[in-house]
Every structure is written in structure tokens, then in C-alpha cells.
Amino acid sequence: MHYGTLSLPARLFLLAWNTSRDKITGAPDLHLAVRAGALAELAQRGVLFEQDRIVTPVVGARTGDPVLDALAELVEQSRPRTWRGWLTHRSRTTLGAVREQLITQGYLRAERGRILGLFPARRFVLERAGHAEVLHAEALAVLRGGQPVAEVPQEEAALVVCAATGKLRTVVSGKDRRRYKDRLDELTDRAGGTSPELRALMSKLRDALGSAVASAEAARSSGGGGG
């Protein structure tokens, strides 16, 4: 299925949507997965690279996608950080920007309401459930071996790796993560294409995402919140 201008982080957002309940479920660390997807796409497009373990931008390089470009600009203007640092630094701003972008593109609709009849709030409704369902099916096919890894597009490989490592349970269960661990290792390599540097970068980004999610889970378990 062709998703037009949908970026990798936007597709990760849609993957987290439970179409039967019309809301996001089973994705407490979605902001981390979405930020990882944005970093991965910027790296695949040659906007970000790694130098001495530091995420380094190609100054002035842009993609034309406002969410990705906002992150590229933030990296340019901020102090040096590792992949782990960029996964957590203001990551919810990327999540919010992706949601607003999906509203603009017609994938979501925002409805105004009130919590307890008092406090203003917005409820989000998925307008294109069929797109999200096909996206889910395609991601599962990539994960479960629907085609040889060598034939999987780089961006699709990165999508599945971020969804699995970010623990988006609507599309990748814990059982699937364990069962297809070797496949996920291969997809991580595939996300880097033929470039040894990009393949190494994708592996480090996956490790950083796993570490960030584990830290967030530990914080929630201890009552300290997370993210």
C-alpha cells in the first residue's frame, strides 16, 4: 500500500492505534518509538550521522517534512547528545507534532469535549481505519517473514524494528518479539541498507530505544512515572 507523504514516525503512530477500540492502546512509550522512527528516517535520508558516539547533523540539510525538519533543527541548535539522549530529550514534542500532522492530512479528527464535564479536552478519532489496518497487516508480514529480508525496503525494516523495540503491542506482541528475535536482528541490518556505517547506526539506535523503554518501564514499576 502506498502511504504518500506519511513519514516513518507518522506510520508508527498509526501502528499504535487499536482500530477496534478507536484509540491508542498498549503503547505507554509511544513517544520513544516515534522519536526513534524520526531519528531513523533522518539518518536514512543522510540528515543525521554519528561521530564519536554523538548524533551529528548535516547542517542545513532538510527533508521537506515539517516534523522531521523540526527535529533536525533541534539537533542543530542543541548541545551534543547520544542516540539515547535524543530519544528522551523533548520526545513528546515530536509525538504531538506527528499527531497534529495526521490531523492536517486527514488521518485523524480532533473532537472537543470536557473531562468530568469541567475541564476542556480533545478526543482523537481515526478517520482512515482501513489505512491503519493495512499498515498493521503489512508490518506483521515483514516481521513474520512474508518476504526475504533482502527484499524489504529499508524504511519498512526500520518501521518494524522501532515498533517491536518500542513495544507497540497492538502490532508486535511480546511473544512475537521473542519468536522473531533473529528476524529483527536481520531487519535492523536491512534498515541500514548497504552502508556499514548506517547499519551500525541502526543497531545503536535500536539498543538505545530498548534501553530507554526499559528505563521508562522501571520508573513506572517503582511509582516514578516514566518518559
C-alpha atoms as a PDB file:
ATOM      1  CA  MET A   1       0.000   0.000   0.000  1.00  0.00           C
ATOM      2  CA  HIS A   2       1.284   3.462  -0.858  1.00  0.00           C
ATOM      3  CA  TYR A   3       1.245   5.897   2.058  1.00  0.00           C
ATOM      4  CA  GLY A   4       2.120   9.021   0.120  1.00  0.00           C
ATOM      5  CA  THR A   5       3.795  11.558   2.346  1.00  0.00           C
ATOM      6  CA  LEU A   6       3.440   9.595   5.594  1.00  0.00           C
ATOM      7  CA  SER A   7       6.752   9.635   7.431  1.00  0.00           C
ATOM      8  CA  LEU A   8       8.168   6.796   9.475  1.00  0.00           C
ATOM      9  CA  PRO A   9       7.143   8.401  12.808  1.00  0.00           C
ATOM     10  CA  ALA A  10       3.634   9.027  11.456  1.00  0.00           C
ATOM     11  CA  ARG A  11       3.281   5.367  10.483  1.00  0.00           C
ATOM     12  CA  LEU A  12       4.484   4.312  13.940  1.00  0.00           C
ATOM     13  CA  PHE A  13       1.758   6.482  15.455  1.00  0.00           C
ATOM     14  CA  LEU A  14      -0.865   4.748  13.299  1.00  0.00           C
ATOM     15  CA  LEU A  15       0.534   1.320  14.183  1.00  0.00           C
ATOM     16  CA  ALA A  16      -0.180   2.054  17.846  1.00  0.00           C
ATOM     17  CA  TRP A  17      -3.848   2.718  17.100  1.00  0.00           C
ATOM     18  CA  ASN A  18      -6.270  -0.014  18.176  1.00  0.00           C
ATOM     19  CA  THR A  19      -8.887   0.216  15.427  1.00  0.00           C
ATOM     20  CA  SER A  20     -11.409  -1.966  17.289  1.00  0.00           C
ATOM     21  CA  ARG A  21     -11.376   0.407  20.279  1.00  0.00           C
ATOM     22  CA  ASP A  22     -10.628   3.552  18.234  1.00  0.00           C
ATOM     23  CA  LYS A  23      -7.776   4.683  20.447  1.00  0.00           C
ATOM     24  CA  ILE A  24      -4.134   4.029  21.188  1.00  0.00           C
ATOM     25  CA  THR A  25      -3.638   1.055  23.498  1.00  0.00           C
ATOM     26  CA  GLY A  26      -0.664  -0.958  24.700  1.00  0.00           C
ATOM     27  CA  ALA A  27       1.878   1.744  23.873  1.00  0.00           C
ATOM     28  CA  PRO A  28       2.903   3.587  27.061  1.00  0.00           C
ATOM     29  CA  ASP A  29       6.222   4.585  25.483  1.00  0.00           C
ATOM     30  CA  LEU A  30       4.902   5.605  22.085  1.00  0.00           C
ATOM     31  CA  HIS A  31       6.770   8.910  22.326  1.00  0.00           C
ATOM     32  CA  LEU A  32      10.054   6.987  22.432  1.00  0.00           C
ATOM     33  CA  ALA A  33       9.166   4.777  19.454  1.00  0.00           C
ATOM     34  CA  VAL A  34       8.003   7.780  17.421  1.00  0.00           C
ATOM     35  CA  ARG A  35      11.176   9.730  18.216  1.00  0.00           C
ATOM     36  CA  ALA A  36      13.249   6.663  17.257  1.00  0.00           C
ATOM     37  CA  GLY A  37      11.390   6.487  13.954  1.00  0.00           C
ATOM     38  CA  ALA A  38      12.121  10.148  13.280  1.00  0.00           C
ATOM     39  CA  LEU A  39      15.818   9.704  14.078  1.00  0.00           C
ATOM     40  CA  ALA A  40      15.963   6.592  11.891  1.00  0.00           C
ATOM     41  CA  GLU A  41      14.386   8.353   8.921  1.00  0.00           C
ATOM     42  CA  LEU A  42      16.667  11.358   9.278  1.00  0.00           C
ATOM     43  CA  ALA A  43      19.663   9.019   9.318  1.00  0.00           C
ATOM     44  CA  GLN A  44      18.395   7.062   6.305  1.00  0.00           C
ATOM     45  CA  ARG A  45      17.961  10.352   4.426  1.00  0.00           C
ATOM     46  CA  GLY A  46      21.500  11.417   5.262  1.00  0.00           C
ATOM     47  CA  VAL A  47      20.486  14.294   7.533  1.00  0.00           C
ATOM     48  CA  LEU A  48      21.966  12.740  10.695  1.00  0.00           C
ATOM     49  CA  PHE A  49      25.040  10.614  11.236  1.00  0.00           C
ATOM     50  CA  GLU A  50      27.192   9.588  14.178  1.00  0.00           C
ATOM     51  CA  GLN A  51      30.588  10.982  15.076  1.00  0.00           C
ATOM     52  CA  ASP A  52      32.410   9.859  18.212  1.00  0.00           C
ATOM     53  CA  ARG A  53      29.133   8.402  19.560  1.00  0.00           C
ATOM     54  CA  ILE A  54      27.416  11.785  19.141  1.00  0.00           C
ATOM     55  CA  VAL A  55      24.382  12.358  16.914  1.00  0.00           C
ATOM     56  CA  THR A  56      25.635  14.861  14.367  1.00  0.00           C
ATOM     57  CA  PRO A  57      23.522  16.787  11.839  1.00  0.00           C
ATOM     58  CA  VAL A  58      24.413  17.761   8.319  1.00  0.00           C
ATOM     59  CA  VAL A  59      23.990  21.492   8.879  1.00  0.00           C
ATOM     60  CA  GLY A  60      21.174  22.927   6.805  1.00  0.00           C
ATOM     61  CA  ALA A  61      20.011  19.565   5.446  1.00  0.00           C
ATOM     62  CA  ARG A  62      16.223  19.211   5.400  1.00  0.00           C
ATOM     63  CA  THR A  63      13.653  16.676   4.166  1.00  0.00           C
ATOM     64  CA  GLY A  64      10.587  18.796   3.421  1.00  0.00           C
ATOM     65  CA  ASP A  65       8.611  17.037   6.171  1.00  0.00           C
ATOM     66  CA  PRO A  66       7.880  19.597   8.927  1.00  0.00           C
ATOM     67  CA  VAL A  67       8.096  17.103  11.803  1.00  0.00           C
ATOM     68  CA  LEU A  68      11.399  15.646  10.656  1.00  0.00           C
ATOM     69  CA  ASP A  69      12.815  19.064   9.861  1.00  0.00           C
ATOM     70  CA  ALA A  70      11.832  20.417  13.268  1.00  0.00           C
ATOM     71  CA  LEU A  71      13.813  17.611  14.875  1.00  0.00           C
ATOM     72  CA  ALA A  72      16.786  18.180  12.561  1.00  0.00           C
ATOM     73  CA  GLU A  73      16.754  21.860  13.529  1.00  0.00           C
ATOM     74  CA  LEU A  74      16.546  20.976  17.216  1.00  0.00           C
ATOM     75  CA  VAL A  75      19.587  18.707  16.889  1.00  0.00           C
ATOM     76  CA  GLU A  76      21.500  21.511  15.158  1.00  0.00           C
ATOM     77  CA  GLN A  77      20.675  24.044  17.852  1.00  0.00           C
ATOM     78  CA  SER A  78      21.130  21.881  20.949  1.00  0.00           C
ATOM     79  CA  ARG A  79      24.130  20.604  22.838  1.00  0.00           C
ATOM     80  CA  PRO A  80      25.651  17.303  21.666  1.00  0.00           C
ATOM     81  CA  ARG A  81      23.770  14.159  22.669  1.00  0.00           C
ATOM     82  CA  THR A  82      23.963  10.421  22.089  1.00  0.00           C
ATOM     83  CA  TRP A  83      21.141   8.429  20.466  1.00  0.00           C
ATOM     84  CA  ARG A  84      19.852   7.615  23.945  1.00  0.00           C
ATOM     85  CA  GLY A  85      19.879  11.306  24.817  1.00  0.00           C
ATOM     86  CA  TRP A  86      17.929  12.249  21.719  1.00  0.00           C
ATOM     87  CA  LEU A  87      15.351   9.551  22.353  1.00  0.00           C
ATOM     88  CA  THR A  88      14.313  11.185  25.605  1.00  0.00           C
ATOM     89  CA  HIS A  89      15.046  14.899  25.151  1.00  0.00           C
ATOM     90  CA  ARG A  90      11.701  16.594  24.464  1.00  0.00           C
ATOM     91  CA  SER A  91      10.468  13.457  22.704  1.00  0.00           C
ATOM     92  CA  ARG A  92       6.827  14.175  23.479  1.00  0.00           C
ATOM     93  CA  THR A  93       7.047  17.276  21.297  1.00  0.00           C
ATOM     94  CA  THR A  94       7.691  15.018  18.297  1.00  0.00           C
ATOM     95  CA  LEU A  95       4.738  12.837  19.272  1.00  0.00           C
ATOM     96  CA  GLY A  96       2.464  15.868  19.476  1.00  0.00           C
ATOM     97  CA  ALA A  97       3.724  17.241  16.176  1.00  0.00           C
ATOM     98  CA  VAL A  98       3.061  13.908  14.455  1.00  0.00           C
ATOM     99  CA  ARG A  99      -0.477  13.812  15.826  1.00  0.00           C
ATOM    100  CA  GLU A 100      -1.188  17.334  14.575  1.00  0.00           C
ATOM    101  CA  GLN A 101       0.296  16.437  11.186  1.00  0.00           C
ATOM    102  CA  LEU A 102      -2.012  13.417  10.926  1.00  0.00           C
ATOM    103  CA  ILE A 103      -4.974  15.676  11.689  1.00  0.00           C
ATOM    104  CA  THR A 104      -3.888  18.058   8.917  1.00  0.00           C
ATOM    105  CA  GLN A 105      -3.503  15.157   6.484  1.00  0.00           C
ATOM    106  CA  GLY A 106      -6.941  13.770   7.310  1.00  0.00           C
ATOM    107  CA  TYR A 107      -5.929  10.597   9.123  1.00  0.00           C
ATOM    108  CA  LEU A 108      -7.201  11.827  12.493  1.00  0.00           C
ATOM    109  CA  ARG A 109     -10.014  14.097  13.595  1.00  0.00           C
ATOM    110  CA  ALA A 110      -9.938  16.084  16.819  1.00  0.00           C
ATOM    111  CA  GLU A 111     -13.155  16.473  18.777  1.00  0.00           C
ATOM    112  CA  ARG A 112     -13.514  18.921  21.638  1.00  0.00           C
ATOM    113  CA  GLY A 113     -15.081  17.869  24.900  1.00  0.00           C
ATOM    114  CA  ARG A 114     -14.729  18.107  28.667  1.00  0.00           C
ATOM    115  CA  ILE A 115     -13.356  15.772  31.321  1.00  0.00           C
ATOM    116  CA  LEU A 116     -15.860  15.283  34.154  1.00  0.00           C
ATOM    117  CA  GLY A 117     -17.900  17.949  32.417  1.00  0.00           C
ATOM    118  CA  LEU A 118     -15.452  20.610  33.589  1.00  0.00           C
ATOM    119  CA  PHE A 119     -12.012  20.527  32.025  1.00  0.00           C
ATOM    120  CA  PRO A 120     -11.547  21.180  28.284  1.00  0.00           C
ATOM    121  CA  ALA A 121     -10.056  18.216  26.404  1.00  0.00           C
ATOM    122  CA  ARG A 122      -9.620  16.890  22.908  1.00  0.00           C
ATOM    123  CA  ARG A 123     -10.554  13.387  21.790  1.00  0.00           C
ATOM    124  CA  PHE A 124      -8.969  11.979  18.666  1.00  0.00           C
ATOM    125  CA  VAL A 125     -10.819   9.820  16.166  1.00  0.00           C
ATOM    126  CA  LEU A 126      -9.157   7.761  13.440  1.00  0.00           C
ATOM    127  CA  GLU A 127     -10.650   8.781  10.093  1.00  0.00           C
ATOM    128  CA  ARG A 128      -8.881   6.214   7.918  1.00  0.00           C
ATOM    129  CA  ALA A 129      -9.145   2.974   9.846  1.00  0.00           C
ATOM    130  CA  GLY A 130      -8.621   0.957   6.665  1.00  0.00           C
ATOM    131  CA  HIS A 131      -5.198   2.529   6.153  1.00  0.00           C
ATOM    132  CA  ALA A 132      -4.156   1.689   9.699  1.00  0.00           C
ATOM    133  CA  GLU A 133      -5.391  -1.897   9.369  1.00  0.00           C
ATOM    134  CA  VAL A 134      -3.443  -2.453   6.157  1.00  0.00           C
ATOM    135  CA  LEU A 135      -0.373  -0.882   7.742  1.00  0.00           C
ATOM    136  CA  HIS A 136      -0.704  -3.330  10.657  1.00  0.00           C
ATOM    137  CA  ALA A 137      -1.014  -6.285   8.290  1.00  0.00           C
ATOM    138  CA  GLU A 138       1.986  -5.241   6.225  1.00  0.00           C
ATOM    139  CA  ALA A 139       4.154  -4.711   9.311  1.00  0.00           C
ATOM    140  CA  LEU A 140       3.250  -8.154  10.627  1.00  0.00           C
ATOM    141  CA  ALA A 141       4.073  -9.700   7.257  1.00  0.00           C
ATOM    142  CA  VAL A 142       7.516  -8.083   7.350  1.00  0.00           C
ATOM    143  CA  LEU A 143       8.084  -9.306  10.903  1.00  0.00           C
ATOM    144  CA  ARG A 144       6.867 -12.850  10.322  1.00  0.00           C
ATOM    145  CA  GLY A 145       8.717 -13.493   7.103  1.00  0.00           C
ATOM    146  CA  GLY A 146       6.277 -12.538   4.390  1.00  0.00           C
ATOM    147  CA  GLN A 147       9.253 -11.787   2.138  1.00  0.00           C
ATOM    148  CA  PRO A 148      13.027 -12.260   2.286  1.00  0.00           C
ATOM    149  CA  VAL A 149      14.756  -9.638   4.393  1.00  0.00           C
ATOM    150  CA  ALA A 150      16.844  -8.546   1.411  1.00  0.00           C
ATOM    151  CA  GLU A 151      13.633  -7.542  -0.398  1.00  0.00           C
ATOM    152  CA  VAL A 152      12.200  -5.472   2.472  1.00  0.00           C
ATOM    153  CA  PRO A 153      12.514  -1.706   1.841  1.00  0.00           C
ATOM    154  CA  GLN A 154      14.855  -0.006   4.299  1.00  0.00           C
ATOM    155  CA  GLU A 155      12.141   2.224   5.723  1.00  0.00           C
ATOM    156  CA  GLU A 156       9.812  -0.747   6.285  1.00  0.00           C
ATOM    157  CA  ALA A 157      12.580  -2.606   8.088  1.00  0.00           C
ATOM    158  CA  ALA A 158      13.152   0.406  10.347  1.00  0.00           C
ATOM    159  CA  LEU A 159       9.400   0.694  10.953  1.00  0.00           C
ATOM    160  CA  VAL A 160       9.091  -2.864  12.235  1.00  0.00           C
ATOM    161  CA  VAL A 161      12.256  -2.654  14.336  1.00  0.00           C
ATOM    162  CA  CYS A 162      11.058   0.545  16.026  1.00  0.00           C
ATOM    163  CA  ALA A 163       7.574  -0.900  16.590  1.00  0.00           C
ATOM    164  CA  ALA A 164       8.949  -4.088  18.132  1.00  0.00           C
ATOM    165  CA  THR A 165      11.665  -2.455  20.235  1.00  0.00           C
ATOM    166  CA  GLY A 166       9.300   0.319  21.307  1.00  0.00           C
ATOM    167  CA  LYS A 167       6.819  -2.381  22.391  1.00  0.00           C
ATOM    168  CA  LEU A 168       3.811  -1.282  20.375  1.00  0.00           C
ATOM    169  CA  ARG A 169       1.658  -4.200  21.491  1.00  0.00           C
ATOM    170  CA  THR A 170      -1.124  -3.502  19.006  1.00  0.00           C
ATOM    171  CA  VAL A 171       1.150  -4.816  16.259  1.00  0.00           C
ATOM    172  CA  VAL A 172       4.020  -6.752  17.909  1.00  0.00           C
ATOM    173  CA  SER A 173       3.310  -8.902  20.942  1.00  0.00           C
ATOM    174  CA  GLY A 174       5.925  -9.951  23.470  1.00  0.00           C
ATOM    175  CA  LYS A 175       5.646 -13.480  22.075  1.00  0.00           C
ATOM    176  CA  ASP A 176       6.402 -12.210  18.573  1.00  0.00           C
ATOM    177  CA  ARG A 177       9.409 -10.222  19.810  1.00  0.00           C
ATOM    178  CA  ARG A 178      10.869 -13.384  21.293  1.00  0.00           C
ATOM    179  CA  ARG A 179       9.920 -15.680  18.432  1.00  0.00           C
ATOM    180  CA  TYR A 180      11.284 -13.383  15.710  1.00  0.00           C
ATOM    181  CA  LYS A 181      14.347 -12.080  17.524  1.00  0.00           C
ATOM    182  CA  ASP A 182      16.716 -13.296  14.790  1.00  0.00           C
ATOM    183  CA  ARG A 183      14.464 -11.813  12.118  1.00  0.00           C
ATOM    184  CA  LEU A 184      14.516  -8.472  13.967  1.00  0.00           C
ATOM    185  CA  ASP A 185      18.314  -8.603  14.037  1.00  0.00           C
ATOM    186  CA  GLU A 186      18.298  -9.072  10.268  1.00  0.00           C
ATOM    187  CA  LEU A 187      15.763  -6.286   9.781  1.00  0.00           C
ATOM    188  CA  THR A 188      17.957  -3.953  11.828  1.00  0.00           C
ATOM    189  CA  ASP A 189      20.815  -4.599   9.413  1.00  0.00           C
ATOM    190  CA  ARG A 190      18.450  -4.164   6.477  1.00  0.00           C
ATOM    191  CA  ALA A 191      17.367  -0.754   7.796  1.00  0.00           C
ATOM    192  CA  GLY A 192      20.934   0.399   7.187  1.00  0.00           C
ATOM    193  CA  GLY A 193      20.997  -0.800   3.589  1.00  0.00           C
ATOM    194  CA  THR A 194      24.437  -1.472   2.127  1.00  0.00           C
ATOM    195  CA  SER A 195      26.250   1.147   4.204  1.00  0.00           C
ATOM    196  CA  PRO A 196      28.277  -0.361   7.073  1.00  0.00           C
ATOM    197  CA  GLU A 197      28.106   2.965   8.904  1.00  0.00           C
ATOM    198  CA  LEU A 198      24.337   3.225   8.620  1.00  0.00           C
ATOM    199  CA  ARG A 199      23.890  -0.411   9.620  1.00  0.00           C
ATOM    200  CA  ALA A 200      25.965   0.170  12.742  1.00  0.00           C
ATOM    201  CA  LEU A 201      23.981   3.333  13.460  1.00  0.00           C
ATOM    202  CA  MET A 202      20.663   1.481  13.217  1.00  0.00           C
ATOM    203  CA  SER A 203      21.909  -1.154  15.628  1.00  0.00           C
ATOM    204  CA  LYS A 204      22.940   1.515  18.138  1.00  0.00           C
ATOM    205  CA  LEU A 205      19.617   3.304  17.744  1.00  0.00           C
ATOM    206  CA  ARG A 206      17.749   0.048  18.395  1.00  0.00           C
ATOM    207  CA  ASP A 207      19.847  -0.610  21.514  1.00  0.00           C
ATOM    208  CA  ALA A 208      19.237   2.941  22.726  1.00  0.00           C
ATOM    209  CA  LEU A 209      15.470   2.576  22.212  1.00  0.00           C
ATOM    210  CA  GLY A 210      15.441  -0.701  24.108  1.00  0.00           C
ATOM    211  CA  SER A 211      17.356   0.918  26.955  1.00  0.00           C
ATOM    212  CA  ALA A 212      15.056   3.950  27.076  1.00  0.00           C
ATOM    213  CA  VAL A 213      11.928   1.783  27.125  1.00  0.00           C
ATOM    214  CA  ALA A 214      13.378  -0.420  29.882  1.00  0.00           C
ATOM    215  CA  SER A 215      14.151   2.668  31.968  1.00  0.00           C
ATOM    216  CA  ALA A 216      10.628   4.005  31.479  1.00  0.00           C
ATOM    217  CA  GLU A 217       9.141   0.654  32.486  1.00  0.00           C
ATOM    218  CA  ALA A 218      11.321   0.529  35.599  1.00  0.00           C
ATOM    219  CA  ALA A 219      10.259   4.049  36.549  1.00  0.00           C
ATOM    220  CA  ARG A 220       6.581   3.124  36.243  1.00  0.00           C
ATOM    221  CA  SER A 221       7.100  -0.039  38.280  1.00  0.00           C
ATOM    222  CA  SER A 222       8.690   1.959  41.087  1.00  0.00           C
ATOM    223  CA  GLY A 223       5.917   4.533  41.004  1.00  0.00           C
ATOM    224  CA  GLY A 224       8.097   7.216  39.466  1.00  0.00           C
ATOM    225  CA  GLY A 225       6.211   7.613  36.217  1.00  0.00           C
ATOM    226  CA  GLY A 226       8.311   7.417  33.065  1.00  0.00           C
ATOM    227  CA  GLY A 227       9.259   9.235  29.860  1.00  0.00           C
END
